[in-house]
Amino acid sequence: MSLPDRIYWDSNVFLAWLQSESGRVAACQSGLDAAQRGDFLIGTSALTIAETLWLKKSPRLTKEKAELLNRFFLRSSMRVVNLDRQIAQRAQRLVWESGVKPKDSVHIATALRYRCPVLETFDKPLIKKGSGLGGVEIREPQPAAQGILDI
């Protein structure tokens, strides 16, 4: 099975990594390491820059971590996709047709625009909605597969 060349990350994946959330940070770091190796690019919406400051039920990021995150988004393994009218209108249709939350619909529409076959998130209700939302596979971040040791 080959890896996709692009994987979309929802805001909560970045927050899990930044806040070293137990049970989540390892999968996040694995994805970041793979992206740094050039295995794939990580895409996200410009909305993520604002969303990662403070998500519901999460502590607000410190100014230092927010600055770290802004520098982080400049990495060559990252692509921040601007939220434009076409993405917003596609997101609007997703809300009407699928009943997803508006911010989630922006992330899905952005993943579709950026041609990401996979959207990774820790949002259980969004994962439960399934992959029928525009054809994007919606899942939790996956730890990198271990290579086969040839001895």
N, C-alpha and C. Protein backbone atom coordinates (compact mmCIF):
# COMPACT_ATOMS: atom_id res chain seq x y z
N MET A 1 0.84 -1.18 0.00
CA MET A 1 0.00 0.00 0.00
C MET A 1 0.89 1.24 0.00
N SER A 2 0.66 2.13 -0.94
CA SER A 2 1.49 3.34 -1.00
C SER A 2 0.83 4.47 -0.23
N LEU A 3 1.66 5.37 0.24
CA LEU A 3 1.17 6.53 0.98
C LEU A 3 0.62 7.56 0.01
N PRO A 4 -0.40 8.32 0.42
CA PRO A 4 -0.83 9.44 -0.42
C PRO A 4 0.27 10.50 -0.43
N ASP A 5 0.30 11.33 -1.47
CA ASP A 5 1.33 12.37 -1.51
C ASP A 5 0.95 13.59 -0.69
N ARG A 6 -0.32 13.65 -0.27
CA ARG A 6 -0.80 14.76 0.55
C ARG A 6 -1.77 14.22 1.60
N ILE A 7 -1.63 14.73 2.81
CA ILE A 7 -2.56 14.40 3.89
C ILE A 7 -2.98 15.72 4.52
N TYR A 8 -4.28 15.85 4.75
CA TYR A 8 -4.82 17.07 5.35
C TYR A 8 -4.92 16.88 6.86
N TRP A 9 -4.50 17.89 7.61
CA TRP A 9 -4.64 17.85 9.06
C TRP A 9 -5.65 18.89 9.52
N ASP A 10 -6.61 18.44 10.33
CA ASP A 10 -7.55 19.32 11.01
C ASP A 10 -6.79 20.06 12.11
N SER A 11 -7.33 21.16 12.57
CA SER A 11 -6.70 21.99 13.60
C SER A 11 -6.37 21.20 14.86
N ASN A 12 -7.25 20.28 15.24
CA ASN A 12 -7.04 19.58 16.50
C ASN A 12 -5.83 18.65 16.47
N VAL A 13 -5.36 18.28 15.29
CA VAL A 13 -4.15 17.45 15.20
C VAL A 13 -2.93 18.30 15.57
N PHE A 14 -2.88 19.52 15.06
CA PHE A 14 -1.78 20.42 15.41
C PHE A 14 -1.79 20.72 16.91
N LEU A 15 -2.98 20.94 17.47
CA LEU A 15 -3.08 21.22 18.91
C LEU A 15 -2.64 20.02 19.74
N ALA A 16 -3.01 18.83 19.32
CA ALA A 16 -2.61 17.62 20.06
C ALA A 16 -1.09 17.52 20.10
N TRP A 17 -0.45 17.84 18.99
CA TRP A 17 1.02 17.80 18.94
C TRP A 17 1.62 18.90 19.81
N LEU A 18 1.12 20.11 19.65
CA LEU A 18 1.66 21.25 20.41
C LEU A 18 1.49 21.08 21.91
N GLN A 19 0.38 20.50 22.31
CA GLN A 19 0.09 20.36 23.73
C GLN A 19 0.49 18.99 24.26
N SER A 20 1.20 18.21 23.46
CA SER A 20 1.69 16.88 23.86
C SER A 20 0.58 16.05 24.51
N GLU A 21 -0.57 15.99 23.84
CA GLU A 21 -1.71 15.26 24.39
C GLU A 21 -1.40 13.76 24.46
N SER A 22 -1.62 13.22 25.63
CA SER A 22 -1.38 11.80 25.87
C SER A 22 -2.21 10.95 24.92
N GLY A 23 -1.60 9.94 24.35
CA GLY A 23 -2.30 9.04 23.45
C GLY A 23 -2.44 9.57 22.04
N ARG A 24 -2.01 10.80 21.80
CA ARG A 24 -2.15 11.40 20.48
C ARG A 24 -0.83 11.92 19.91
N VAL A 25 0.03 12.39 20.78
CA VAL A 25 1.23 13.08 20.31
C VAL A 25 2.13 12.17 19.48
N ALA A 26 2.20 10.89 19.79
CA ALA A 26 3.08 9.97 19.05
C ALA A 26 2.65 9.85 17.59
N ALA A 27 1.35 9.71 17.34
CA ALA A 27 0.86 9.62 15.96
C ALA A 27 1.11 10.93 15.22
N CYS A 28 0.93 12.06 15.92
CA CYS A 28 1.20 13.36 15.31
C CYS A 28 2.67 13.48 14.93
N GLN A 29 3.55 13.13 15.87
CA GLN A 29 4.98 13.24 15.61
C GLN A 29 5.40 12.31 14.48
N SER A 30 4.81 11.14 14.44
CA SER A 30 5.11 10.19 13.36
C SER A 30 4.76 10.80 12.00
N GLY A 31 3.61 11.45 11.92
CA GLY A 31 3.20 12.10 10.68
C GLY A 31 4.12 13.25 10.31
N LEU A 32 4.50 14.04 11.30
CA LEU A 32 5.41 15.16 11.05
C LEU A 32 6.77 14.66 10.57
N ASP A 33 7.27 13.60 11.20
CA ASP A 33 8.55 13.03 10.79
C ASP A 33 8.49 12.52 9.35
N ALA A 34 7.40 11.85 9.01
CA ALA A 34 7.24 11.34 7.64
C ALA A 34 7.17 12.48 6.63
N ALA A 35 6.48 13.55 6.99
CA ALA A 35 6.40 14.71 6.10
C ALA A 35 7.77 15.36 5.94
N GLN A 36 8.52 15.46 7.03
CA GLN A 36 9.87 16.04 6.96
C GLN A 36 10.80 15.19 6.09
N ARG A 37 10.58 13.88 6.08
CA ARG A 37 11.37 12.98 5.22
C ARG A 37 10.98 13.12 3.76
N GLY A 38 9.85 13.76 3.51
CA GLY A 38 9.37 13.91 2.14
C GLY A 38 8.41 12.82 1.70
N ASP A 39 7.90 12.04 2.66
CA ASP A 39 6.95 10.98 2.31
C ASP A 39 5.64 11.55 1.78
N PHE A 40 5.22 12.70 2.29
CA PHE A 40 4.01 13.38 1.85
C PHE A 40 4.05 14.82 2.36
N LEU A 41 3.14 15.63 1.85
CA LEU A 41 2.96 17.00 2.35
C LEU A 41 1.76 17.01 3.27
N ILE A 42 1.81 17.86 4.28
CA ILE A 42 0.66 18.06 5.16
C ILE A 42 0.00 19.36 4.74
N GLY A 43 -1.28 19.27 4.39
CA GLY A 43 -2.04 20.45 4.02
C GLY A 43 -3.02 20.81 5.13
N THR A 44 -3.33 22.09 5.21
CA THR A 44 -4.35 22.55 6.16
C THR A 44 -4.88 23.89 5.68
N SER A 45 -6.02 24.28 6.19
CA SER A 45 -6.64 25.56 5.84
C SER A 45 -5.98 26.70 6.61
N ALA A 46 -6.00 27.88 6.02
CA ALA A 46 -5.54 29.07 6.74
C ALA A 46 -6.39 29.27 8.00
N LEU A 47 -7.60 28.76 8.01
CA LEU A 47 -8.46 28.81 9.20
C LEU A 47 -7.78 28.16 10.39
N THR A 48 -6.95 27.16 10.14
CA THR A 48 -6.24 26.45 11.21
C THR A 48 -5.37 27.40 12.03
N ILE A 49 -4.79 28.39 11.37
CA ILE A 49 -3.93 29.35 12.09
C ILE A 49 -4.71 30.03 13.21
N ALA A 50 -5.95 30.40 12.94
CA ALA A 50 -6.78 31.03 13.97
C ALA A 50 -7.34 29.99 14.95
N GLU A 51 -7.77 28.85 14.43
CA GLU A 51 -8.40 27.84 15.28
C GLU A 51 -7.45 27.25 16.31
N THR A 52 -6.19 27.16 16.00
CA THR A 52 -5.26 26.49 16.91
C THR A 52 -4.90 27.33 18.13
N LEU A 53 -5.34 28.56 18.17
CA LEU A 53 -5.08 29.37 19.37
C LEU A 53 -5.88 28.87 20.56
N TRP A 54 -7.09 28.37 20.28
CA TRP A 54 -7.95 27.99 21.39
C TRP A 54 -9.14 27.20 20.88
N LEU A 55 -9.17 25.94 21.14
CA LEU A 55 -10.32 25.12 20.79
C LEU A 55 -11.16 24.86 22.03
N LYS A 56 -12.43 24.67 21.81
CA LYS A 56 -13.35 24.37 22.90
C LYS A 56 -12.80 23.23 23.76
N LYS A 57 -12.88 23.38 25.05
CA LYS A 57 -12.43 22.38 26.04
C LYS A 57 -10.92 22.18 26.05
N SER A 58 -10.18 23.08 25.43
CA SER A 58 -8.72 23.01 25.45
C SER A 58 -8.18 24.32 26.00
N PRO A 59 -7.04 24.27 26.66
CA PRO A 59 -6.46 25.54 27.14
C PRO A 59 -5.97 26.39 25.96
N ARG A 60 -6.03 27.68 26.15
CA ARG A 60 -5.54 28.61 25.13
C ARG A 60 -4.03 28.46 25.01
N LEU A 61 -3.52 28.51 23.78
CA LEU A 61 -2.07 28.43 23.58
C LEU A 61 -1.39 29.66 24.15
N THR A 62 -0.19 29.46 24.64
CA THR A 62 0.61 30.60 25.08
C THR A 62 1.08 31.36 23.84
N LYS A 63 1.48 32.61 24.04
CA LYS A 63 1.97 33.42 22.93
C LYS A 63 3.20 32.76 22.30
N GLU A 64 4.06 32.18 23.12
CA GLU A 64 5.26 31.52 22.61
C GLU A 64 4.90 30.33 21.71
N LYS A 65 3.93 29.54 22.13
CA LYS A 65 3.52 28.40 21.31
C LYS A 65 2.83 28.86 20.03
N ALA A 66 2.08 29.95 20.11
CA ALA A 66 1.44 30.49 18.91
C ALA A 66 2.49 30.96 17.90
N GLU A 67 3.55 31.59 18.39
CA GLU A 67 4.64 32.01 17.50
C GLU A 67 5.36 30.80 16.91
N LEU A 68 5.57 29.77 17.72
CA LEU A 68 6.17 28.53 17.24
C LEU A 68 5.32 27.94 16.12
N LEU A 69 4.02 27.93 16.33
CA LEU A 69 3.10 27.38 15.34
C LEU A 69 3.16 28.18 14.05
N ASN A 70 3.20 29.50 14.13
CA ASN A 70 3.29 30.33 12.93
C ASN A 70 4.56 30.02 12.14
N ARG A 71 5.67 29.83 12.82
CA ARG A 71 6.92 29.45 12.14
C ARG A 71 6.80 28.03 11.56
N PHE A 72 6.14 27.19 12.31
CA PHE A 72 5.95 25.80 11.90
C PHE A 72 5.21 25.72 10.56
N PHE A 73 4.20 26.56 10.37
CA PHE A 73 3.42 26.54 9.14
C PHE A 73 4.22 26.98 7.92
N LEU A 74 5.42 27.50 8.12
CA LEU A 74 6.28 27.91 7.01
C LEU A 74 7.19 26.79 6.53
N ARG A 75 7.18 25.64 7.19
CA ARG A 75 8.04 24.52 6.80
C ARG A 75 7.73 24.08 5.36
N SER A 76 8.74 23.54 4.71
CA SER A 76 8.57 23.08 3.33
C SER A 76 7.64 21.87 3.24
N SER A 77 7.45 21.16 4.33
CA SER A 77 6.57 19.98 4.33
C SER A 77 5.11 20.34 4.60
N MET A 78 4.83 21.63 4.76
CA MET A 78 3.48 22.11 5.08
C MET A 78 2.93 22.95 3.92
N ARG A 79 1.62 22.88 3.72
CA ARG A 79 0.94 23.75 2.77
C ARG A 79 -0.29 24.32 3.48
N VAL A 80 -0.31 25.64 3.60
CA VAL A 80 -1.48 26.32 4.17
C VAL A 80 -2.28 26.85 2.99
N VAL A 81 -3.52 26.37 2.86
CA VAL A 81 -4.38 26.71 1.74
C VAL A 81 -5.31 27.85 2.16
N ASN A 82 -5.30 28.93 1.39
CA ASN A 82 -6.15 30.08 1.71
C ASN A 82 -7.62 29.71 1.57
N LEU A 83 -8.42 30.26 2.45
CA LEU A 83 -9.87 30.07 2.40
C LEU A 83 -10.43 31.12 1.45
N ASP A 84 -10.87 30.67 0.28
CA ASP A 84 -11.42 31.60 -0.71
C ASP A 84 -12.91 31.33 -0.90
N ARG A 85 -13.50 32.08 -1.79
CA ARG A 85 -14.94 31.98 -2.02
C ARG A 85 -15.36 30.58 -2.48
N GLN A 86 -14.61 29.96 -3.38
CA GLN A 86 -14.97 28.63 -3.87
C GLN A 86 -14.96 27.60 -2.75
N ILE A 87 -13.94 27.66 -1.90
CA ILE A 87 -13.88 26.73 -0.77
C ILE A 87 -15.05 26.99 0.17
N ALA A 88 -15.33 28.26 0.44
CA ALA A 88 -16.43 28.62 1.35
C ALA A 88 -17.77 28.14 0.80
N GLN A 89 -17.98 28.27 -0.49
CA GLN A 89 -19.25 27.83 -1.07
C GLN A 89 -19.37 26.30 -1.07
N ARG A 90 -18.26 25.63 -1.31
CA ARG A 90 -18.28 24.16 -1.23
C ARG A 90 -18.55 23.73 0.20
N ALA A 91 -17.95 24.43 1.15
CA ALA A 91 -18.18 24.14 2.57
C ALA A 91 -19.65 24.34 2.92
N GLN A 92 -20.22 25.40 2.40
CA GLN A 92 -21.64 25.68 2.64
C GLN A 92 -22.51 24.53 2.14
N ARG A 93 -22.21 24.02 0.95
CA ARG A 93 -22.97 22.88 0.42
C ARG A 93 -22.81 21.65 1.31
N LEU A 94 -21.60 21.43 1.82
CA LEU A 94 -21.38 20.29 2.72
C LEU A 94 -22.23 20.39 3.99
N VAL A 95 -22.37 21.61 4.51
CA VAL A 95 -23.22 21.81 5.69
C VAL A 95 -24.66 21.44 5.35
N TRP A 96 -25.16 21.96 4.23
CA TRP A 96 -26.54 21.69 3.84
C TRP A 96 -26.78 20.23 3.52
N GLU A 97 -25.87 19.62 2.78
CA GLU A 97 -26.10 18.26 2.28
C GLU A 97 -25.72 17.17 3.28
N SER A 98 -24.74 17.44 4.14
CA SER A 98 -24.22 16.39 5.02
C SER A 98 -24.41 16.67 6.49
N GLY A 99 -24.79 17.89 6.82
CA GLY A 99 -25.01 18.23 8.22
C GLY A 99 -23.76 18.36 9.06
N VAL A 100 -22.61 18.55 8.42
CA VAL A 100 -21.38 18.74 9.21
C VAL A 100 -21.34 20.17 9.72
N LYS A 101 -20.57 20.39 10.76
CA LYS A 101 -20.42 21.72 11.34
C LYS A 101 -19.68 22.62 10.34
N PRO A 102 -19.98 23.93 10.37
CA PRO A 102 -19.35 24.84 9.41
C PRO A 102 -17.82 24.80 9.38
N LYS A 103 -17.16 24.80 10.53
CA LYS A 103 -15.69 24.77 10.51
C LYS A 103 -15.19 23.44 9.95
N ASP A 104 -15.86 22.35 10.31
CA ASP A 104 -15.47 21.05 9.76
C ASP A 104 -15.65 21.04 8.24
N SER A 105 -16.73 21.66 7.78
CA SER A 105 -16.98 21.69 6.34
C SER A 105 -15.90 22.49 5.61
N VAL A 106 -15.37 23.52 6.24
CA VAL A 106 -14.27 24.28 5.64
C VAL A 106 -13.04 23.38 5.50
N HIS A 107 -12.76 22.59 6.51
CA HIS A 107 -11.61 21.69 6.44
C HIS A 107 -11.80 20.63 5.34
N ILE A 108 -12.99 20.07 5.24
CA ILE A 108 -13.25 19.07 4.20
C ILE A 108 -13.14 19.71 2.82
N ALA A 109 -13.76 20.86 2.64
CA ALA A 109 -13.71 21.55 1.34
C ALA A 109 -12.28 21.92 0.96
N THR A 110 -11.49 22.31 1.95
CA THR A 110 -10.09 22.64 1.68
C THR A 110 -9.31 21.40 1.29
N ALA A 111 -9.55 20.29 1.98
CA ALA A 111 -8.88 19.03 1.63
C ALA A 111 -9.23 18.63 0.19
N LEU A 112 -10.48 18.80 -0.17
CA LEU A 112 -10.90 18.48 -1.54
C LEU A 112 -10.21 19.40 -2.55
N ARG A 113 -10.15 20.69 -2.25
CA ARG A 113 -9.51 21.64 -3.16
C ARG A 113 -8.03 21.32 -3.33
N TYR A 114 -7.37 20.96 -2.23
CA TYR A 114 -5.94 20.66 -2.26
C TYR A 114 -5.67 19.23 -2.73
N ARG A 115 -6.72 18.49 -3.05
CA ARG A 115 -6.63 17.12 -3.55
C ARG A 115 -5.96 16.17 -2.55
N CYS A 116 -6.36 16.30 -1.30
CA CYS A 116 -5.88 15.39 -0.26
C CYS A 116 -6.84 14.21 -0.17
N PRO A 117 -6.38 13.01 -0.41
CA PRO A 117 -7.28 11.86 -0.31
C PRO A 117 -7.62 11.49 1.14
N VAL A 118 -6.84 12.02 2.09
CA VAL A 118 -7.01 11.68 3.51
C VAL A 118 -7.09 12.96 4.33
N LEU A 119 -8.06 13.02 5.24
CA LEU A 119 -8.17 14.10 6.23
C LEU A 119 -8.02 13.46 7.60
N GLU A 120 -7.01 13.89 8.34
CA GLU A 120 -6.79 13.34 9.68
C GLU A 120 -7.29 14.32 10.73
N THR A 121 -7.99 13.76 11.71
CA THR A 121 -8.60 14.56 12.77
C THR A 121 -8.80 13.68 14.01
N PHE A 122 -8.94 14.33 15.15
CA PHE A 122 -9.32 13.61 16.37
C PHE A 122 -10.80 13.85 16.70
N ASP A 123 -11.52 14.45 15.79
CA ASP A 123 -12.93 14.78 15.96
C ASP A 123 -13.78 13.53 15.70
N LYS A 124 -14.17 12.84 16.78
CA LYS A 124 -14.90 11.58 16.66
C LYS A 124 -16.21 11.72 15.86
N PRO A 125 -17.04 12.76 16.12
CA PRO A 125 -18.26 12.89 15.33
C PRO A 125 -17.98 13.06 13.83
N LEU A 126 -16.92 13.77 13.49
CA LEU A 126 -16.58 13.94 12.07
C LEU A 126 -16.12 12.61 11.47
N ILE A 127 -15.31 11.87 12.21
CA ILE A 127 -14.86 10.55 11.73
C ILE A 127 -16.07 9.64 11.55
N LYS A 128 -17.02 9.73 12.48
CA LYS A 128 -18.21 8.89 12.42
C LYS A 128 -19.06 9.21 11.19
N LYS A 129 -19.04 10.48 10.75
CA LYS A 129 -19.78 10.87 9.54
C LYS A 129 -19.30 10.06 8.35
N GLY A 130 -18.03 9.67 8.41
CA GLY A 130 -17.51 8.78 7.38
C GLY A 130 -16.84 9.47 6.23
N SER A 131 -16.42 8.65 5.32
CA SER A 131 -15.65 9.12 4.18
C SER A 131 -16.52 9.43 2.97
N GLY A 132 -17.81 9.48 3.14
CA GLY A 132 -18.69 9.81 2.03
C GLY A 132 -18.77 11.29 1.75
N LEU A 133 -18.00 12.07 2.47
CA LEU A 133 -18.05 13.52 2.32
C LEU A 133 -17.08 13.98 1.24
N GLY A 134 -17.51 13.87 0.00
CA GLY A 134 -16.66 14.31 -1.10
C GLY A 134 -15.61 13.31 -1.51
N GLY A 135 -15.61 12.14 -0.89
CA GLY A 135 -14.64 11.12 -1.25
C GLY A 135 -13.36 11.16 -0.45
N VAL A 136 -13.26 12.03 0.55
CA VAL A 136 -12.07 12.12 1.39
C VAL A 136 -12.18 11.07 2.49
N GLU A 137 -11.11 10.32 2.71
CA GLU A 137 -11.07 9.38 3.84
C GLU A 137 -10.83 10.19 5.10
N ILE A 138 -11.71 10.08 6.08
CA ILE A 138 -11.58 10.82 7.33
C ILE A 138 -11.21 9.83 8.43
N ARG A 139 -10.08 10.07 9.08
CA ARG A 139 -9.56 9.12 10.07
C ARG A 139 -8.71 9.84 11.10
N GLU A 140 -8.36 9.10 12.17
CA GLU A 140 -7.40 9.62 13.13
C GLU A 140 -6.00 9.53 12.53
N PRO A 141 -5.08 10.38 12.99
CA PRO A 141 -3.69 10.28 12.51
C PRO A 141 -3.15 8.88 12.75
N GLN A 142 -2.42 8.40 11.77
CA GLN A 142 -1.88 7.04 11.81
C GLN A 142 -0.39 7.07 12.10
N PRO A 143 0.07 6.24 13.04
CA PRO A 143 1.52 6.13 13.22
C PRO A 143 2.13 5.55 11.95
N ALA A 144 3.35 5.96 11.66
CA ALA A 144 4.02 5.45 10.45
C ALA A 144 4.16 3.94 10.54
N ALA A 145 3.97 3.30 9.41
CA ALA A 145 4.12 1.85 9.36
C ALA A 145 5.58 1.48 9.57
N GLN A 146 5.80 0.44 10.32
CA GLN A 146 7.15 -0.04 10.54
C GLN A 146 7.64 -0.75 9.29
N GLY A 147 8.85 -0.47 8.91
CA GLY A 147 9.44 -1.15 7.76
C GLY A 147 9.74 -2.60 8.11
N ILE A 148 9.86 -3.42 7.10
CA ILE A 148 10.17 -4.83 7.32
C ILE A 148 11.68 -4.96 7.44
N LEU A 149 12.12 -5.61 8.48
CA LEU A 149 13.54 -5.81 8.71
C LEU A 149 14.01 -7.00 7.88
N ASP A 150 14.91 -6.74 6.95
CA ASP A 150 15.42 -7.78 6.07
C ASP A 150 16.79 -8.23 6.58
N ILE A 151 16.83 -9.42 7.18
CA ILE A 151 18.11 -9.92 7.71
C ILE A 151 18.52 -11.21 7.05
